[in-house]
Amino acid sequence: MVILGLLLIILGVIAILSAIFVSEGRGELLGIDMSTLSVFLVGVAAGAAVLWGYSILKWGTKRGLAHRRERKELSRLSEKLDRVDGDRREDDTPPPTRDERT
């Protein structure tokens, strides 16, 4: 998701920058003659792609952080359970019999 979000942001920014710096006042985008309405619609689509990419990037980052936190918590609980289980096994060992003491 992070890669998709970054890709959408990059494509939108490229379209916006090319419309600003390349067009030279004509209805041209990346060397293609277009009507003013078409250039406007491409700009709207580029802006929407940037916003959509940002939201996907944000969502993917949140999701990744949540998974890492959950994994960390589960490993901590697993270690705690292993320690408690090991202590319980040590407590459950029967005391040595008379033959084992001598």
PDB file of N, CA and C in Angstrom:
ATOM      1  N   MET A   1       0.806  -1.187   0.000  1.00  0.00           N
ATOM      2  CA  MET A   1       0.000   0.000   0.000  1.00  0.00           C
ATOM      3  C   MET A   1       0.858   1.264   0.000  1.00  0.00           C
ATOM      4  N   VAL A   2       1.958   1.198   0.724  1.00  0.00           N
ATOM      5  CA  VAL A   2       2.839   2.360   0.791  1.00  0.00           C
ATOM      6  C   VAL A   2       3.390   2.667  -0.599  1.00  0.00           C
ATOM      7  N   ILE A   3       3.784   1.647  -1.322  1.00  0.00           N
ATOM      8  CA  ILE A   3       4.336   1.832  -2.669  1.00  0.00           C
ATOM      9  C   ILE A   3       3.277   2.413  -3.607  1.00  0.00           C
ATOM     10  N   LEU A   4       2.059   1.904  -3.521  1.00  0.00           N
ATOM     11  CA  LEU A   4       0.971   2.418  -4.356  1.00  0.00           C
ATOM     12  C   LEU A   4       0.694   3.884  -4.033  1.00  0.00           C
ATOM     13  N   GLY A   5       0.687   4.213  -2.755  1.00  0.00           N
ATOM     14  CA  GLY A   5       0.465   5.600  -2.359  1.00  0.00           C
ATOM     15  C   GLY A   5       1.556   6.519  -2.875  1.00  0.00           C
ATOM     16  N   LEU A   6       2.813   6.099  -2.736  1.00  0.00           N
ATOM     17  CA  LEU A   6       3.919   6.915  -3.240  1.00  0.00           C
ATOM     18  C   LEU A   6       3.863   7.064  -4.754  1.00  0.00           C
ATOM     19  N   LEU A   7       3.494   6.001  -5.458  1.00  0.00           N
ATOM     20  CA  LEU A   7       3.389   6.046  -6.915  1.00  0.00           C
ATOM     21  C   LEU A   7       2.317   7.036  -7.364  1.00  0.00           C
ATOM     22  N   LEU A   8       1.163   7.012  -6.701  1.00  0.00           N
ATOM     23  CA  LEU A   8       0.097   7.959  -7.047  1.00  0.00           C
ATOM     24  C   LEU A   8       0.521   9.397  -6.772  1.00  0.00           C
ATOM     25  N   ILE A   9       1.199   9.617  -5.662  1.00  0.00           N
ATOM     26  CA  ILE A   9       1.665  10.967  -5.345  1.00  0.00           C
ATOM     27  C   ILE A   9       2.658  11.443  -6.398  1.00  0.00           C
ATOM     28  N   ILE A  10       3.605  10.594  -6.768  1.00  0.00           N
ATOM     29  CA  ILE A  10       4.619  10.969  -7.755  1.00  0.00           C
ATOM     30  C   ILE A  10       3.987  11.284  -9.109  1.00  0.00           C
ATOM     31  N   LEU A  11       3.054  10.430  -9.567  1.00  0.00           N
ATOM     32  CA  LEU A  11       2.395  10.677 -10.851  1.00  0.00           C
ATOM     33  C   LEU A  11       1.592  11.974 -10.828  1.00  0.00           C
ATOM     34  N   GLY A  12       0.899  12.223  -9.745  1.00  0.00           N
ATOM     35  CA  GLY A  12       0.128  13.460  -9.641  1.00  0.00           C
ATOM     36  C   GLY A  12       1.015  14.689  -9.634  1.00  0.00           C
ATOM     37  N   VAL A  13       2.120  14.614  -8.907  1.00  0.00           N
ATOM     38  CA  VAL A  13       3.042  15.751  -8.853  1.00  0.00           C
ATOM     39  C   VAL A  13       3.680  15.998 -10.216  1.00  0.00           C
ATOM     40  N   ILE A  14       4.038  14.933 -10.921  1.00  0.00           N
ATOM     41  CA  ILE A  14       4.619  15.092 -12.261  1.00  0.00           C
ATOM     42  C   ILE A  14       3.620  15.780 -13.193  1.00  0.00           C
ATOM     43  N   ALA A  15       2.365  15.372 -13.149  1.00  0.00           N
ATOM     44  CA  ALA A  15       1.351  15.987 -14.008  1.00  0.00           C
ATOM     45  C   ALA A  15       1.145  17.453 -13.651  1.00  0.00           C
ATOM     46  N   ILE A  16       1.124  17.758 -12.375  1.00  0.00           N
ATOM     47  CA  ILE A  16       0.930  19.147 -11.956  1.00  0.00           C
ATOM     48  C   ILE A  16       2.117  20.012 -12.367  1.00  0.00           C
ATOM     49  N   LEU A  17       3.326  19.528 -12.104  1.00  0.00           N
ATOM     50  CA  LEU A  17       4.514  20.306 -12.452  1.00  0.00           C
ATOM     51  C   LEU A  17       4.662  20.491 -13.956  1.00  0.00           C
ATOM     52  N   SER A  18       4.325  19.458 -14.730  1.00  0.00           N
ATOM     53  CA  SER A  18       4.434  19.613 -16.184  1.00  0.00           C
ATOM     54  C   SER A  18       3.403  20.606 -16.701  1.00  0.00           C
ATOM     55  N   ALA A  19       2.233  20.646 -16.094  1.00  0.00           N
ATOM     56  CA  ALA A  19       1.222  21.620 -16.523  1.00  0.00           C
ATOM     57  C   ALA A  19       1.647  23.045 -16.165  1.00  0.00           C
ATOM     58  N   ILE A  20       2.349  23.180 -15.049  1.00  0.00           N
ATOM     59  CA  ILE A  20       2.764  24.524 -14.625  1.00  0.00           C
ATOM     60  C   ILE A  20       3.952  25.028 -15.428  1.00  0.00           C
ATOM     61  N   PHE A  21       4.972  24.204 -15.572  1.00  0.00           N
ATOM     62  CA  PHE A  21       6.228  24.683 -16.128  1.00  0.00           C
ATOM     63  C   PHE A  21       6.424  24.438 -17.622  1.00  0.00           C
ATOM     64  N   VAL A  22       5.705  23.521 -18.222  1.00  0.00           N
ATOM     65  CA  VAL A  22       5.937  23.168 -19.622  1.00  0.00           C
ATOM     66  C   VAL A  22       4.940  23.830 -20.555  1.00  0.00           C
ATOM     67  N   SER A  23       3.770  24.166 -20.093  1.00  0.00           N
ATOM     68  CA  SER A  23       2.702  24.558 -21.004  1.00  0.00           C
ATOM     69  C   SER A  23       2.918  25.899 -21.698  1.00  0.00           C
ATOM     70  N   GLU A  24       3.630  26.836 -21.139  1.00  0.00           N
ATOM     71  CA  GLU A  24       3.934  28.134 -21.761  1.00  0.00           C
ATOM     72  C   GLU A  24       2.678  28.884 -22.198  1.00  0.00           C
ATOM     73  N   GLY A  25       1.625  28.802 -21.451  1.00  0.00           N
ATOM     74  CA  GLY A  25       0.417  29.576 -21.742  1.00  0.00           C
ATOM     75  C   GLY A  25      -0.494  28.951 -22.779  1.00  0.00           C
ATOM     76  N   ARG A  26      -0.089  27.918 -23.447  1.00  0.00           N
ATOM     77  CA  ARG A  26      -0.946  27.251 -24.439  1.00  0.00           C
ATOM     78  C   ARG A  26      -1.641  26.076 -23.764  1.00  0.00           C
ATOM     79  N   GLY A  27      -2.559  25.489 -24.493  1.00  0.00           N
ATOM     80  CA  GLY A  27      -3.244  24.303 -24.015  1.00  0.00           C
ATOM     81  C   GLY A  27      -2.426  23.064 -24.344  1.00  0.00           C
ATOM     82  N   GLU A  28      -1.275  22.945 -23.735  1.00  0.00           N
ATOM     83  CA  GLU A  28      -0.371  21.845 -24.057  1.00  0.00           C
ATOM     84  C   GLU A  28       0.075  21.175 -22.757  1.00  0.00           C
ATOM     85  N   LEU A  29       0.102  19.868 -22.776  1.00  0.00           N
ATOM     86  CA  LEU A  29       0.557  19.110 -21.610  1.00  0.00           C
ATOM     87  C   LEU A  29       1.473  18.002 -22.080  1.00  0.00           C
ATOM     88  N   LEU A  30       2.729  18.053 -21.674  1.00  0.00           N
ATOM     89  CA  LEU A  30       3.746  17.064 -22.062  1.00  0.00           C
ATOM     90  C   LEU A  30       3.872  16.951 -23.578  1.00  0.00           C
ATOM     91  N   GLY A  31       3.780  18.067 -24.274  1.00  0.00           N
ATOM     92  CA  GLY A  31       3.957  18.078 -25.717  1.00  0.00           C
ATOM     93  C   GLY A  31       2.717  17.734 -26.510  1.00  0.00           C
ATOM     94  N   ILE A  32       1.609  17.503 -25.851  1.00  0.00           N
ATOM     95  CA  ILE A  32       0.360  17.149 -26.534  1.00  0.00           C
ATOM     96  C   ILE A  32      -0.577  18.349 -26.473  1.00  0.00           C
ATOM     97  N   ASP A  33      -1.062  18.787 -27.644  1.00  0.00           N
ATOM     98  CA  ASP A  33      -2.015  19.898 -27.669  1.00  0.00           C
ATOM     99  C   ASP A  33      -3.347  19.428 -27.110  1.00  0.00           C
ATOM    100  N   MET A  34      -3.851  20.181 -26.138  1.00  0.00           N
ATOM    101  CA  MET A  34      -5.105  19.816 -25.484  1.00  0.00           C
ATOM    102  C   MET A  34      -5.950  21.070 -25.328  1.00  0.00           C
ATOM    103  N   SER A  35      -7.234  20.860 -25.181  1.00  0.00           N
ATOM    104  CA  SER A  35      -8.109  22.003 -24.909  1.00  0.00           C
ATOM    105  C   SER A  35      -7.903  22.426 -23.454  1.00  0.00           C
ATOM    106  N   THR A  36      -8.331  23.621 -23.174  1.00  0.00           N
ATOM    107  CA  THR A  36      -8.177  24.150 -21.814  1.00  0.00           C
ATOM    108  C   THR A  36      -8.951  23.299 -20.810  1.00  0.00           C
ATOM    109  N   LEU A  37     -10.121  22.837 -21.211  1.00  0.00           N
ATOM    110  CA  LEU A  37     -10.912  21.978 -20.332  1.00  0.00           C
ATOM    111  C   LEU A  37     -10.181  20.677 -20.047  1.00  0.00           C
ATOM    112  N   SER A  38      -9.542  20.101 -21.051  1.00  0.00           N
ATOM    113  CA  SER A  38      -8.796  18.849 -20.859  1.00  0.00           C
ATOM    114  C   SER A  38      -7.632  19.042 -19.892  1.00  0.00           C
ATOM    115  N   VAL A  39      -6.927  20.161 -20.033  1.00  0.00           N
ATOM    116  CA  VAL A  39      -5.817  20.443 -19.119  1.00  0.00           C
ATOM    117  C   VAL A  39      -6.339  20.619 -17.699  1.00  0.00           C
ATOM    118  N   PHE A  40      -7.471  21.293 -17.559  1.00  0.00           N
ATOM    119  CA  PHE A  40      -8.081  21.466 -16.245  1.00  0.00           C
ATOM    120  C   PHE A  40      -8.460  20.126 -15.637  1.00  0.00           C
ATOM    121  N   LEU A  41      -9.081  19.267 -16.426  1.00  0.00           N
ATOM    122  CA  LEU A  41      -9.489  17.955 -15.923  1.00  0.00           C
ATOM    123  C   LEU A  41      -8.283  17.093 -15.548  1.00  0.00           C
ATOM    124  N   VAL A  42      -7.211  17.188 -16.325  1.00  0.00           N
ATOM    125  CA  VAL A  42      -5.987  16.463 -15.973  1.00  0.00           C
ATOM    126  C   VAL A  42      -5.437  16.987 -14.649  1.00  0.00           C
ATOM    127  N   GLY A  43      -5.522  18.285 -14.442  1.00  0.00           N
ATOM    128  CA  GLY A  43      -5.076  18.879 -13.180  1.00  0.00           C
ATOM    129  C   GLY A  43      -5.912  18.408 -11.996  1.00  0.00           C
ATOM    130  N   VAL A  44      -7.216  18.346 -12.199  1.00  0.00           N
ATOM    131  CA  VAL A  44      -8.099  17.846 -11.143  1.00  0.00           C
ATOM    132  C   VAL A  44      -7.781  16.387 -10.834  1.00  0.00           C
ATOM    133  N   ALA A  45      -7.585  15.590 -11.885  1.00  0.00           N
ATOM    134  CA  ALA A  45      -7.248  14.179 -11.684  1.00  0.00           C
ATOM    135  C   ALA A  45      -5.892  14.028 -10.989  1.00  0.00           C
ATOM    136  N   ALA A  46      -4.947  14.889 -11.346  1.00  0.00           N
ATOM    137  CA  ALA A  46      -3.633  14.830 -10.698  1.00  0.00           C
ATOM    138  C   ALA A  46      -3.741  15.200  -9.223  1.00  0.00           C
ATOM    139  N   GLY A  47      -4.509  16.218  -8.918  1.00  0.00           N
ATOM    140  CA  GLY A  47      -4.720  16.586  -7.517  1.00  0.00           C
ATOM    141  C   GLY A  47      -5.405  15.485  -6.734  1.00  0.00           C
ATOM    142  N   ALA A  48      -6.399  14.861  -7.356  1.00  0.00           N
ATOM    143  CA  ALA A  48      -7.088  13.748  -6.702  1.00  0.00           C
ATOM    144  C   ALA A  48      -6.134  12.575  -6.487  1.00  0.00           C
ATOM    145  N   ALA A  49      -5.258  12.319  -7.454  1.00  0.00           N
ATOM    146  CA  ALA A  49      -4.285  11.229  -7.317  1.00  0.00           C
ATOM    147  C   ALA A  49      -3.322  11.510  -6.172  1.00  0.00           C
ATOM    148  N   VAL A  50      -2.901  12.758  -6.022  1.00  0.00           N
ATOM    149  CA  VAL A  50      -2.007  13.108  -4.915  1.00  0.00           C
ATOM    150  C   VAL A  50      -2.710  12.889  -3.578  1.00  0.00           C
ATOM    151  N   LEU A  51      -3.950  13.362  -3.463  1.00  0.00           N
ATOM    152  CA  LEU A  51      -4.685  13.180  -2.207  1.00  0.00           C
ATOM    153  C   LEU A  51      -4.972  11.712  -1.918  1.00  0.00           C
ATOM    154  N   TRP A  52      -5.357  10.976  -2.931  1.00  0.00           N
ATOM    155  CA  TRP A  52      -5.633   9.554  -2.774  1.00  0.00           C
ATOM    156  C   TRP A  52      -4.352   8.818  -2.385  1.00  0.00           C
ATOM    157  N   GLY A  53      -3.255   9.140  -3.045  1.00  0.00           N
ATOM    158  CA  GLY A  53      -1.977   8.518  -2.716  1.00  0.00           C
ATOM    159  C   GLY A  53      -1.555   8.816  -1.294  1.00  0.00           C
ATOM    160  N   TYR A  54      -1.766  10.050  -0.843  1.00  0.00           N
ATOM    161  CA  TYR A  54      -1.421  10.413   0.530  1.00  0.00           C
ATOM    162  C   TYR A  54      -2.264   9.621   1.527  1.00  0.00           C
ATOM    163  N   SER A  55      -3.560   9.470   1.253  1.00  0.00           N
ATOM    164  CA  SER A  55      -4.413   8.730   2.184  1.00  0.00           C
ATOM    165  C   SER A  55      -4.040   7.243   2.212  1.00  0.00           C
ATOM    166  N   ILE A  56      -3.708   6.672   1.064  1.00  0.00           N
ATOM    167  CA  ILE A  56      -3.288   5.275   1.038  1.00  0.00           C
ATOM    168  C   ILE A  56      -1.959   5.106   1.772  1.00  0.00           C
ATOM    169  N   LEU A  57      -1.048   6.035   1.579  1.00  0.00           N
ATOM    170  CA  LEU A  57       0.236   5.999   2.271  1.00  0.00           C
ATOM    171  C   LEU A  57       0.041   6.081   3.783  1.00  0.00           C
ATOM    172  N   LYS A  58      -0.811   6.964   4.215  1.00  0.00           N
ATOM    173  CA  LYS A  58      -1.093   7.127   5.642  1.00  0.00           C
ATOM    174  C   LYS A  58      -1.724   5.859   6.216  1.00  0.00           C
ATOM    175  N   TRP A  59      -2.690   5.299   5.522  1.00  0.00           N
ATOM    176  CA  TRP A  59      -3.364   4.085   5.982  1.00  0.00           C
ATOM    177  C   TRP A  59      -2.397   2.916   6.051  1.00  0.00           C
ATOM    178  N   GLY A  60      -1.555   2.757   5.023  1.00  0.00           N
ATOM    179  CA  GLY A  60      -0.587   1.665   5.012  1.00  0.00           C
ATOM    180  C   GLY A  60       0.437   1.787   6.118  1.00  0.00           C
ATOM    181  N   THR A  61       0.859   3.003   6.420  1.00  0.00           N
ATOM    182  CA  THR A  61       1.822   3.211   7.491  1.00  0.00           C
ATOM    183  C   THR A  61       1.202   2.893   8.844  1.00  0.00           C
ATOM    184  N   LYS A  62      -0.020   3.331   9.061  1.00  0.00           N
ATOM    185  CA  LYS A  62      -0.719   3.017  10.313  1.00  0.00           C
ATOM    186  C   LYS A  62      -0.864   1.510  10.499  1.00  0.00           C
ATOM    187  N   ARG A  63      -1.242   0.857   9.424  1.00  0.00           N
ATOM    188  CA  ARG A  63      -1.450  -0.589   9.481  1.00  0.00           C
ATOM    189  C   ARG A  63      -0.137  -1.323   9.788  1.00  0.00           C
ATOM    190  N   GLY A  64       0.954  -0.885   9.157  1.00  0.00           N
ATOM    191  CA  GLY A  64       2.256  -1.500   9.414  1.00  0.00           C
ATOM    192  C   GLY A  64       2.711  -1.298  10.848  1.00  0.00           C
ATOM    193  N   LEU A  65       2.505  -0.087  11.376  1.00  0.00           N
ATOM    194  CA  LEU A  65       2.873   0.166  12.767  1.00  0.00           C
ATOM    195  C   LEU A  65       2.050  -0.683  13.724  1.00  0.00           C
ATOM    196  N   ALA A  66       0.764  -0.831  13.446  1.00  0.00           N
ATOM    197  CA  ALA A  66      -0.092  -1.641  14.311  1.00  0.00           C
ATOM    198  C   ALA A  66       0.362  -3.097  14.306  1.00  0.00           C
ATOM    199  N   HIS A  67       0.737  -3.616  13.135  1.00  0.00           N
ATOM    200  CA  HIS A  67       1.212  -4.998  13.056  1.00  0.00           C
ATOM    201  C   HIS A  67       2.517  -5.177  13.827  1.00  0.00           C
ATOM    202  N   ARG A  68       3.431  -4.202  13.706  1.00  0.00           N
ATOM    203  CA  ARG A  68       4.694  -4.303  14.435  1.00  0.00           C
ATOM    204  C   ARG A  68       4.465  -4.254  15.948  1.00  0.00           C
ATOM    205  N   ARG A  69       3.583  -3.374  16.398  1.00  0.00           N
ATOM    206  CA  ARG A  69       3.279  -3.299  17.833  1.00  0.00           C
ATOM    207  C   ARG A  69       2.663  -4.596  18.329  1.00  0.00           C
ATOM    208  N   GLU A  70       1.740  -5.155  17.535  1.00  0.00           N
ATOM    209  CA  GLU A  70       1.098  -6.391  17.937  1.00  0.00           C
ATOM    210  C   GLU A  70       2.103  -7.536  17.996  1.00  0.00           C
ATOM    211  N   ARG A  71       2.999  -7.616  17.004  1.00  0.00           N
ATOM    212  CA  ARG A  71       4.031  -8.653  17.015  1.00  0.00           C
ATOM    213  C   ARG A  71       4.946  -8.520  18.230  1.00  0.00           C
ATOM    214  N   LYS A  72       5.310  -7.293  18.556  1.00  0.00           N
ATOM    215  CA  LYS A  72       6.173  -7.042  19.706  1.00  0.00           C
ATOM    216  C   LYS A  72       5.472  -7.458  20.997  1.00  0.00           C
ATOM    217  N   GLU A  73       4.207  -7.097  21.126  1.00  0.00           N
ATOM    218  CA  GLU A  73       3.440  -7.463  22.315  1.00  0.00           C
ATOM    219  C   GLU A  73       3.278  -8.980  22.424  1.00  0.00           C
ATOM    220  N   LEU A  74       3.002  -9.640  21.303  1.00  0.00           N
ATOM    221  CA  LEU A  74       2.853 -11.089  21.330  1.00  0.00           C
ATOM    222  C   LEU A  74       4.156 -11.787  21.698  1.00  0.00           C
ATOM    223  N   SER A  75       5.282 -11.300  21.193  1.00  0.00           N
ATOM    224  CA  SER A  75       6.551 -11.926  21.556  1.00  0.00           C
ATOM    225  C   SER A  75       6.865 -11.684  23.026  1.00  0.00           C
ATOM    226  N   ARG A  76       6.529 -10.515  23.556  1.00  0.00           N
ATOM    227  CA  ARG A  76       6.743 -10.245  24.976  1.00  0.00           C
ATOM    228  C   ARG A  76       5.879 -11.158  25.836  1.00  0.00           C
ATOM    229  N   LEU A  77       4.602 -11.331  25.463  1.00  0.00           N
ATOM    230  CA  LEU A  77       3.715 -12.220  26.203  1.00  0.00           C
ATOM    231  C   LEU A  77       4.160 -13.672  26.096  1.00  0.00           C
ATOM    232  N   SER A  78       4.664 -14.055  24.922  1.00  0.00           N
ATOM    233  CA  SER A  78       5.150 -15.416  24.743  1.00  0.00           C
ATOM    234  C   SER A  78       6.357 -15.696  25.634  1.00  0.00           C
ATOM    235  N   GLU A  79       7.270 -14.744  25.719  1.00  0.00           N
ATOM    236  CA  GLU A  79       8.426 -14.909  26.599  1.00  0.00           C
ATOM    237  C   GLU A  79       7.988 -14.998  28.059  1.00  0.00           C
ATOM    238  N   LYS A  80       7.023 -14.178  28.438  1.00  0.00           N
ATOM    239  CA  LYS A  80       6.511 -14.200  29.800  1.00  0.00           C
ATOM    240  C   LYS A  80       5.861 -15.547  30.099  1.00  0.00           C
ATOM    241  N   LEU A  81       5.087 -16.054  29.152  1.00  0.00           N
ATOM    242  CA  LEU A  81       4.437 -17.354  29.332  1.00  0.00           C
ATOM    243  C   LEU A  81       5.469 -18.472  29.435  1.00  0.00           C
ATOM    244  N   ASP A  82       6.520 -18.405  28.618  1.00  0.00           N
ATOM    245  CA  ASP A  82       7.571 -19.411  28.697  1.00  0.00           C
ATOM    246  C   ASP A  82       8.256 -19.386  30.056  1.00  0.00           C
ATOM    247  N   ARG A  83       8.517 -18.189  30.594  1.00  0.00           N
ATOM    248  CA  ARG A  83       9.141 -18.092  31.924  1.00  0.00           C
ATOM    249  C   ARG A  83       8.229 -18.680  32.992  1.00  0.00           C
ATOM    250  N   VAL A  84       6.945 -18.331  32.961  1.00  0.00           N
ATOM    251  CA  VAL A  84       6.000 -18.838  33.956  1.00  0.00           C
ATOM    252  C   VAL A  84       5.876 -20.355  33.827  1.00  0.00           C
ATOM    253  N   ASP A  85       5.816 -20.838  32.598  1.00  0.00           N
ATOM    254  CA  ASP A  85       5.715 -22.279  32.370  1.00  0.00           C
ATOM    255  C   ASP A  85       6.964 -22.998  32.880  1.00  0.00           C
ATOM    256  N   GLY A  86       8.133 -22.413  32.651  1.00  0.00           N
ATOM    257  CA  GLY A  86       9.374 -23.012  33.152  1.00  0.00           C
ATOM    258  C   GLY A  86       9.421 -23.016  34.673  1.00  0.00           C
ATOM    259  N   ASP A  87       8.966 -21.932  35.310  1.00  0.00           N
ATOM    260  CA  ASP A  87       8.915 -21.884  36.776  1.00  0.00           C
ATOM    261  C   ASP A  87       7.940 -22.914  37.319  1.00  0.00           C
ATOM    262  N   ARG A  88       6.815 -23.079  36.630  1.00  0.00           N
ATOM    263  CA  ARG A  88       5.815 -24.056  37.078  1.00  0.00           C
ATOM    264  C   ARG A  88       6.374 -25.475  36.974  1.00  0.00           C
ATOM    265  N   ARG A  89       7.098 -25.768  35.920  1.00  0.00           N
ATOM    266  CA  ARG A  89       7.689 -27.097  35.774  1.00  0.00           C
ATOM    267  C   ARG A  89       8.715 -27.366  36.869  1.00  0.00           C
ATOM    268  N   GLU A  90       9.489 -26.350  37.237  1.00  0.00           N
ATOM    269  CA  GLU A  90      10.458 -26.518  38.321  1.00  0.00           C
ATOM    270  C   GLU A  90       9.758 -26.768  39.639  1.00  0.00           C
ATOM    271  N   ASP A  91       8.616 -26.109  39.860  1.00  0.00           N
ATOM    272  CA  ASP A  91       7.860 -26.292  41.100  1.00  0.00           C
ATOM    273  C   ASP A  91       7.156 -27.638  41.135  1.00  0.00           C
ATOM    274  N   ASP A  92       6.821 -28.202  39.994  1.00  0.00           N
ATOM    275  CA  ASP A  92       6.099 -29.468  39.920  1.00  0.00           C
ATOM    276  C   ASP A  92       7.001 -30.680  40.079  1.00  0.00           C
ATOM    277  N   THR A  93       8.301 -30.535  40.059  1.00  0.00           N
ATOM    278  CA  THR A  93       9.184 -31.694  40.199  1.00  0.00           C
ATOM    279  C   THR A  93       9.074 -32.228  41.613  1.00  0.00           C
ATOM    280  N   PRO A  94       8.872 -33.529  41.737  1.00  0.00           N
ATOM    281  CA  PRO A  94       8.698 -34.103  43.078  1.00  0.00           C
ATOM    282  C   PRO A  94      10.021 -34.049  43.846  1.00  0.00           C
ATOM    283  N   PRO A  95       9.928 -33.977  45.163  1.00  0.00           N
ATOM    284  CA  PRO A  95      11.159 -33.975  45.955  1.00  0.00           C
ATOM    285  C   PRO A  95      11.872 -35.316  45.797  1.00  0.00           C
ATOM    286  N   PRO A  96      13.168 -35.326  45.944  1.00  0.00           N
ATOM    287  CA  PRO A  96      13.897 -36.587  45.769  1.00  0.00           C
ATOM    288  C   PRO A  96      13.503 -37.609  46.835  1.00  0.00           C
ATOM    289  N   THR A  97      13.422 -38.853  46.413  1.00  0.00           N
ATOM    290  CA  THR A  97      13.109 -39.945  47.344  1.00  0.00           C
ATOM    291  C   THR A  97      14.328 -40.275  48.185  1.00  0.00           C
ATOM    292  N   ARG A  98      14.146 -41.152  49.152  1.00  0.00           N
ATOM    293  CA  ARG A  98      15.215 -41.521  50.068  1.00  0.00           C
ATOM    294  C   ARG A  98      16.368 -42.167  49.313  1.00  0.00           C
ATOM    295  N   ASP A  99      16.047 -42.992  48.283  1.00  0.00           N
ATOM    296  CA  ASP A  99      17.086 -43.659  47.504  1.00  0.00           C
ATOM    297  C   ASP A  99      17.878 -42.669  46.668  1.00  0.00           C
ATOM    298  N   GLU A 100      17.208 -41.620  46.169  1.00  0.00           N
ATOM    299  CA  GLU A 100      17.873 -40.626  45.337  1.00  0.00           C
ATOM    300  C   GLU A 100      18.778 -39.719  46.150  1.00  0.00           C
ATOM    301  N   ARG A 101      18.485 -39.547  47.463  1.00  0.00           N
ATOM    302  CA  ARG A 101      19.311 -38.670  48.288  1.00  0.00           C
ATOM    303  C   ARG A 101      20.662 -39.288  48.612  1.00  0.00           C
ATOM    304  N   THR A 102      20.719 -40.569  48.741  1.00  0.00           N
ATOM    305  CA  THR A 102      21.968 -41.215  49.110  1.00  0.00           C
ATOM    306  C   THR A 102      22.772 -41.655  47.944  1.00  0.00           C
TER     307      THR A 102
END
